[in-house]
Amino acid sequence: MRKDRLVITPSTTIPDAAKMMEQHGVVGLPVERDGVVTYSVTRHDLLRARIGLGVGMGIDP
């Protein structure tokens, strides 16, 4: 279990989120907006967004 929080924001780019997942060996990240976790993204979500099957180029839905 981590002592520091590993979160991203809606403005985090897909490449940055993917890099963070790879560096920390995780397959999903919580997305925090205004200090509250509003949703999470997985590697699958990032892949779909990257190839144009899901959300746009940002994480924000």
PDB file of N, CA and C in Angstrom:
ATOM      1  N   MET A   1       0.835  -1.177   0.000  1.00  0.00           N
ATOM      2  CA  MET A   1       0.000   0.000   0.000  1.00  0.00           C
ATOM      3  C   MET A   1       0.886   1.249   0.000  1.00  0.00           C
ATOM      4  N   ARG A   2       0.454   2.254  -0.749  1.00  0.00           N
ATOM      5  CA  ARG A   2       1.232   3.484  -0.864  1.00  0.00           C
ATOM      6  C   ARG A   2       0.878   4.434   0.270  1.00  0.00           C
ATOM      7  N   LYS A   3       1.887   5.173   0.746  1.00  0.00           N
ATOM      8  CA  LYS A   3       1.637   6.208   1.745  1.00  0.00           C
ATOM      9  C   LYS A   3       1.270   7.526   1.077  1.00  0.00           C
ATOM     10  N   ASP A   4       1.850   7.795  -0.105  1.00  0.00           N
ATOM     11  CA  ASP A   4       1.499   9.010  -0.837  1.00  0.00           C
ATOM     12  C   ASP A   4       0.363   8.690  -1.805  1.00  0.00           C
ATOM     13  N   ARG A   5      -0.444   9.691  -2.100  1.00  0.00           N
ATOM     14  CA  ARG A   5      -1.585   9.484  -2.993  1.00  0.00           C
ATOM     15  C   ARG A   5      -1.143   9.587  -4.441  1.00  0.00           C
ATOM     16  N   LEU A   6      -1.583   8.666  -5.228  1.00  0.00           N
ATOM     17  CA  LEU A   6      -1.284   8.646  -6.648  1.00  0.00           C
ATOM     18  C   LEU A   6      -2.574   8.965  -7.385  1.00  0.00           C
ATOM     19  N   VAL A   7      -2.730  10.226  -7.790  1.00  0.00           N
ATOM     20  CA  VAL A   7      -3.952  10.672  -8.465  1.00  0.00           C
ATOM     21  C   VAL A   7      -3.575  11.540  -9.661  1.00  0.00           C
ATOM     22  N   ILE A   8      -4.520  11.680 -10.582  1.00  0.00           N
ATOM     23  CA  ILE A   8      -4.356  12.602 -11.698  1.00  0.00           C
ATOM     24  C   ILE A   8      -5.531  13.579 -11.667  1.00  0.00           C
ATOM     25  N   THR A   9      -5.462  14.588 -12.516  1.00  0.00           N
ATOM     26  CA  THR A   9      -6.529  15.579 -12.614  1.00  0.00           C
ATOM     27  C   THR A   9      -7.145  15.499 -14.006  1.00  0.00           C
ATOM     28  N   PRO A  10      -8.291  16.134 -14.214  1.00  0.00           N
ATOM     29  CA  PRO A  10      -8.906  16.109 -15.542  1.00  0.00           C
ATOM     30  C   PRO A  10      -8.006  16.697 -16.641  1.00  0.00           C
ATOM     31  N   SER A  11      -7.064  17.537 -16.268  1.00  0.00           N
ATOM     32  CA  SER A  11      -6.180  18.137 -17.280  1.00  0.00           C
ATOM     33  C   SER A  11      -4.950  17.286 -17.588  1.00  0.00           C
ATOM     34  N   THR A  12      -4.772  16.170 -16.901  1.00  0.00           N
ATOM     35  CA  THR A  12      -3.640  15.280 -17.167  1.00  0.00           C
ATOM     36  C   THR A  12      -3.781  14.700 -18.572  1.00  0.00           C
ATOM     37  N   THR A  13      -2.703  14.723 -19.335  1.00  0.00           N
ATOM     38  CA  THR A  13      -2.754  14.199 -20.697  1.00  0.00           C
ATOM     39  C   THR A  13      -2.693  12.671 -20.687  1.00  0.00           C
ATOM     40  N   ILE A  14      -3.133  12.082 -21.776  1.00  0.00           N
ATOM     41  CA  ILE A  14      -3.098  10.623 -21.910  1.00  0.00           C
ATOM     42  C   ILE A  14      -1.668  10.097 -21.792  1.00  0.00           C
ATOM     43  N   PRO A  15      -0.695  10.686 -22.507  1.00  0.00           N
ATOM     44  CA  PRO A  15       0.677  10.186 -22.358  1.00  0.00           C
ATOM     45  C   PRO A  15       1.205  10.295 -20.923  1.00  0.00           C
ATOM     46  N   ASP A  16       0.870  11.385 -20.232  1.00  0.00           N
ATOM     47  CA  ASP A  16       1.334  11.547 -18.853  1.00  0.00           C
ATOM     48  C   ASP A  16       0.691  10.520 -17.922  1.00  0.00           C
ATOM     49  N   ALA A  17      -0.598  10.265 -18.101  1.00  0.00           N
ATOM     50  CA  ALA A  17      -1.286   9.260 -17.276  1.00  0.00           C
ATOM     51  C   ALA A  17      -0.710   7.870 -17.544  1.00  0.00           C
ATOM     52  N   ALA A  18      -0.478   7.548 -18.807  1.00  0.00           N
ATOM     53  CA  ALA A  18       0.087   6.242 -19.162  1.00  0.00           C
ATOM     54  C   ALA A  18       1.491   6.081 -18.579  1.00  0.00           C
ATOM     55  N   LYS A  19       2.281   7.135 -18.639  1.00  0.00           N
ATOM     56  CA  LYS A  19       3.639   7.099 -18.091  1.00  0.00           C
ATOM     57  C   LYS A  19       3.601   6.876 -16.580  1.00  0.00           C
ATOM     58  N   MET A  20       2.675   7.564 -15.903  1.00  0.00           N
ATOM     59  CA  MET A  20       2.546   7.407 -14.460  1.00  0.00           C
ATOM     60  C   MET A  20       2.147   5.974 -14.107  1.00  0.00           C
ATOM     61  N   MET A  21       1.223   5.403 -14.864  1.00  0.00           N
ATOM     62  CA  MET A  21       0.814   4.015 -14.622  1.00  0.00           C
ATOM     63  C   MET A  21       1.990   3.066 -14.784  1.00  0.00           C
ATOM     64  N   GLU A  22       2.758   3.278 -15.841  1.00  0.00           N
ATOM     65  CA  GLU A  22       3.917   2.419 -16.089  1.00  0.00           C
ATOM     66  C   GLU A  22       4.967   2.560 -14.990  1.00  0.00           C
ATOM     67  N   GLN A  23       5.273   3.785 -14.614  1.00  0.00           N
ATOM     68  CA  GLN A  23       6.297   4.028 -13.601  1.00  0.00           C
ATOM     69  C   GLN A  23       5.942   3.428 -12.244  1.00  0.00           C
ATOM     70  N   HIS A  24       4.663   3.435 -11.914  1.00  0.00           N
ATOM     71  CA  HIS A  24       4.238   2.990 -10.592  1.00  0.00           C
ATOM     72  C   HIS A  24       3.639   1.580 -10.601  1.00  0.00           C
ATOM     73  N   GLY A  25       3.580   0.962 -11.780  1.00  0.00           N
ATOM     74  CA  GLY A  25       3.089  -0.408 -11.871  1.00  0.00           C
ATOM     75  C   GLY A  25       1.625  -0.571 -11.499  1.00  0.00           C
ATOM     76  N   VAL A  26       0.811   0.404 -11.896  1.00  0.00           N
ATOM     77  CA  VAL A  26      -0.625   0.334 -11.623  1.00  0.00           C
ATOM     78  C   VAL A  26      -1.394   0.277 -12.939  1.00  0.00           C
ATOM     79  N   VAL A  27      -2.625  -0.210 -12.887  1.00  0.00           N
ATOM     80  CA  VAL A  27      -3.434  -0.320 -14.099  1.00  0.00           C
ATOM     81  C   VAL A  27      -4.604   0.656 -14.104  1.00  0.00           C
ATOM     82  N   GLY A  28      -4.715   1.460 -13.054  1.00  0.00           N
ATOM     83  CA  GLY A  28      -5.774   2.457 -12.982  1.00  0.00           C
ATOM     84  C   GLY A  28      -5.363   3.596 -12.071  1.00  0.00           C
ATOM     85  N   LEU A  29      -5.950   4.765 -12.327  1.00  0.00           N
ATOM     86  CA  LEU A  29      -5.661   5.941 -11.513  1.00  0.00           C
ATOM     87  C   LEU A  29      -6.949   6.678 -11.188  1.00  0.00           C
ATOM     88  N   PRO A  30      -7.085   7.130  -9.939  1.00  0.00           N
ATOM     89  CA  PRO A  30      -8.232   7.969  -9.607  1.00  0.00           C
ATOM     90  C   PRO A  30      -8.027   9.370 -10.175  1.00  0.00           C
ATOM     91  N   VAL A  31      -9.122   9.994 -10.574  1.00  0.00           N
ATOM     92  CA  VAL A  31      -9.078  11.351 -11.109  1.00  0.00           C
ATOM     93  C   VAL A  31      -9.697  12.269 -10.059  1.00  0.00           C
ATOM     94  N   GLU A  32      -8.907  13.251  -9.634  1.00  0.00           N
ATOM     95  CA  GLU A  32      -9.336  14.147  -8.575  1.00  0.00           C
ATOM     96  C   GLU A  32      -9.677  15.520  -9.147  1.00  0.00           C
ATOM     97  N   ARG A  33     -10.832  16.034  -8.748  1.00  0.00           N
ATOM     98  CA  ARG A  33     -11.261  17.368  -9.164  1.00  0.00           C
ATOM     99  C   ARG A  33     -11.687  18.121  -7.907  1.00  0.00           C
ATOM    100  N   ASP A  34     -11.075  19.269  -7.674  1.00  0.00           N
ATOM    101  CA  ASP A  34     -11.388  20.094  -6.494  1.00  0.00           C
ATOM    102  C   ASP A  34     -11.254  19.310  -5.192  1.00  0.00           C
ATOM    103  N   GLY A  35     -10.232  18.472  -5.107  1.00  0.00           N
ATOM    104  CA  GLY A  35      -9.959  17.723  -3.891  1.00  0.00           C
ATOM    105  C   GLY A  35     -10.799  16.481  -3.677  1.00  0.00           C
ATOM    106  N   VAL A  36     -11.649  16.148  -4.655  1.00  0.00           N
ATOM    107  CA  VAL A  36     -12.532  14.990  -4.534  1.00  0.00           C
ATOM    108  C   VAL A  36     -12.294  14.054  -5.718  1.00  0.00           C
ATOM    109  N   VAL A  37     -12.169  12.761  -5.444  1.00  0.00           N
ATOM    110  CA  VAL A  37     -12.041  11.787  -6.521  1.00  0.00           C
ATOM    111  C   VAL A  37     -13.412  11.648  -7.176  1.00  0.00           C
ATOM    112  N   THR A  38     -13.456  11.966  -8.464  1.00  0.00           N
ATOM    113  CA  THR A  38     -14.736  11.960  -9.176  1.00  0.00           C
ATOM    114  C   THR A  38     -14.922  10.721 -10.047  1.00  0.00           C
ATOM    115  N   TYR A  39     -13.855  10.119 -10.493  1.00  0.00           N
ATOM    116  CA  TYR A  39     -13.906   8.896 -11.277  1.00  0.00           C
ATOM    117  C   TYR A  39     -12.505   8.338 -11.380  1.00  0.00           C
ATOM    118  N   SER A  40     -12.332   7.242 -12.093  1.00  0.00           N
ATOM    119  CA  SER A  40     -11.006   6.675 -12.295  1.00  0.00           C
ATOM    120  C   SER A  40     -10.854   6.263 -13.750  1.00  0.00           C
ATOM    121  N   VAL A  41      -9.621   6.147 -14.172  1.00  0.00           N
ATOM    122  CA  VAL A  41      -9.329   5.687 -15.528  1.00  0.00           C
ATOM    123  C   VAL A  41      -8.410   4.480 -15.445  1.00  0.00           C
ATOM    124  N   THR A  42      -8.538   3.613 -16.436  1.00  0.00           N
ATOM    125  CA  THR A  42      -7.704   2.420 -16.511  1.00  0.00           C
ATOM    126  C   THR A  42      -6.849   2.490 -17.776  1.00  0.00           C
ATOM    127  N   ARG A  43      -5.911   1.565 -17.880  1.00  0.00           N
ATOM    128  CA  ARG A  43      -5.109   1.502 -19.107  1.00  0.00           C
ATOM    129  C   ARG A  43      -6.008   1.289 -20.313  1.00  0.00           C
ATOM    130  N   HIS A  44      -7.044   0.504 -20.150  1.00  0.00           N
ATOM    131  CA  HIS A  44      -7.987   0.255 -21.244  1.00  0.00           C
ATOM    132  C   HIS A  44      -8.654   1.566 -21.692  1.00  0.00           C
ATOM    133  N   ASP A  45      -9.069   2.391 -20.733  1.00  0.00           N
ATOM    134  CA  ASP A  45      -9.665   3.689 -21.061  1.00  0.00           C
ATOM    135  C   ASP A  45      -8.688   4.557 -21.855  1.00  0.00           C
ATOM    136  N   LEU A  46      -7.434   4.560 -21.417  1.00  0.00           N
ATOM    137  CA  LEU A  46      -6.425   5.382 -22.100  1.00  0.00           C
ATOM    138  C   LEU A  46      -6.170   4.881 -23.518  1.00  0.00           C
ATOM    139  N   LEU A  47      -6.145   3.570 -23.688  1.00  0.00           N
ATOM    140  CA  LEU A  47      -5.945   3.003 -25.019  1.00  0.00           C
ATOM    141  C   LEU A  47      -7.102   3.383 -25.939  1.00  0.00           C
ATOM    142  N   ARG A  48      -8.329   3.237 -25.457  1.00  0.00           N
ATOM    143  CA  ARG A  48      -9.500   3.603 -26.266  1.00  0.00           C
ATOM    144  C   ARG A  48      -9.458   5.082 -26.651  1.00  0.00           C
ATOM    145  N   ALA A  49      -9.087   5.931 -25.711  1.00  0.00           N
ATOM    146  CA  ALA A  49      -9.016   7.363 -26.000  1.00  0.00           C
ATOM    147  C   ALA A  49      -7.908   7.650 -27.004  1.00  0.00           C
ATOM    148  N   ARG A  50      -6.801   6.984 -26.856  1.00  0.00           N
ATOM    149  CA  ARG A  50      -5.643   7.211 -27.731  1.00  0.00           C
ATOM    150  C   ARG A  50      -5.948   6.841 -29.186  1.00  0.00           C
ATOM    151  N   ILE A  51      -6.709   5.764 -29.389  1.00  0.00           N
ATOM    152  CA  ILE A  51      -7.000   5.345 -30.767  1.00  0.00           C
ATOM    153  C   ILE A  51      -8.317   5.908 -31.270  1.00  0.00           C
ATOM    154  N   GLY A  52      -8.953   6.760 -30.458  1.00  0.00           N
ATOM    155  CA  GLY A  52     -10.141   7.454 -30.916  1.00  0.00           C
ATOM    156  C   GLY A  52     -11.458   6.727 -30.728  1.00  0.00           C
ATOM    157  N   LEU A  53     -11.504   5.759 -29.822  1.00  0.00           N
ATOM    158  CA  LEU A  53     -12.749   5.029 -29.603  1.00  0.00           C
ATOM    159  C   LEU A  53     -13.497   5.504 -28.365  1.00  0.00           C
ATOM    160  N   GLY A  54     -12.916   6.429 -27.628  1.00  0.00           N
ATOM    161  CA  GLY A  54     -13.567   6.856 -26.386  1.00  0.00           C
ATOM    162  C   GLY A  54     -13.502   8.354 -26.247  1.00  0.00           C
ATOM    163  N   VAL A  55     -13.084   8.797 -25.087  1.00  0.00           N
ATOM    164  CA  VAL A  55     -12.983  10.222 -24.804  1.00  0.00           C
ATOM    165  C   VAL A  55     -11.948  10.883 -25.688  1.00  0.00           C
ATOM    166  N   GLY A  56     -11.914  12.209 -25.688  1.00  0.00           N
ATOM    167  CA  GLY A  56     -10.965  12.967 -26.512  1.00  0.00           C
ATOM    168  C   GLY A  56      -9.534  12.780 -26.040  1.00  0.00           C
ATOM    169  N   MET A  57      -8.658  13.701 -26.414  1.00  0.00           N
ATOM    170  CA  MET A  57      -7.236  13.568 -26.096  1.00  0.00           C
ATOM    171  C   MET A  57      -6.924  13.880 -24.636  1.00  0.00           C
ATOM    172  N   GLY A  58      -7.844  14.468 -23.890  1.00  0.00           N
ATOM    173  CA  GLY A  58      -7.634  14.701 -22.462  1.00  0.00           C
ATOM    174  C   GLY A  58      -8.355  13.645 -21.658  1.00  0.00           C
ATOM    175  N   ILE A  59      -8.216  13.669 -20.373  1.00  0.00           N
ATOM    176  CA  ILE A  59      -8.855  12.701 -19.499  1.00  0.00           C
ATOM    177  C   ILE A  59     -10.276  13.143 -19.171  1.00  0.00           C
ATOM    178  N   ASP A  60     -10.557  14.427 -19.228  1.00  0.00           N
ATOM    179  CA  ASP A  60     -11.843  14.975 -18.838  1.00  0.00           C
ATOM    180  C   ASP A  60     -12.977  14.405 -19.686  1.00  0.00           C
ATOM    181  N   PRO A  61     -14.017  13.839 -19.034  1.00  0.00           N
ATOM    182  CA  PRO A  61     -15.125  13.246 -19.809  1.00  0.00           C
ATOM    183  C   PRO A  61     -16.015  14.299 -20.438  1.00  0.00           C
TER     184      PRO A  61
END
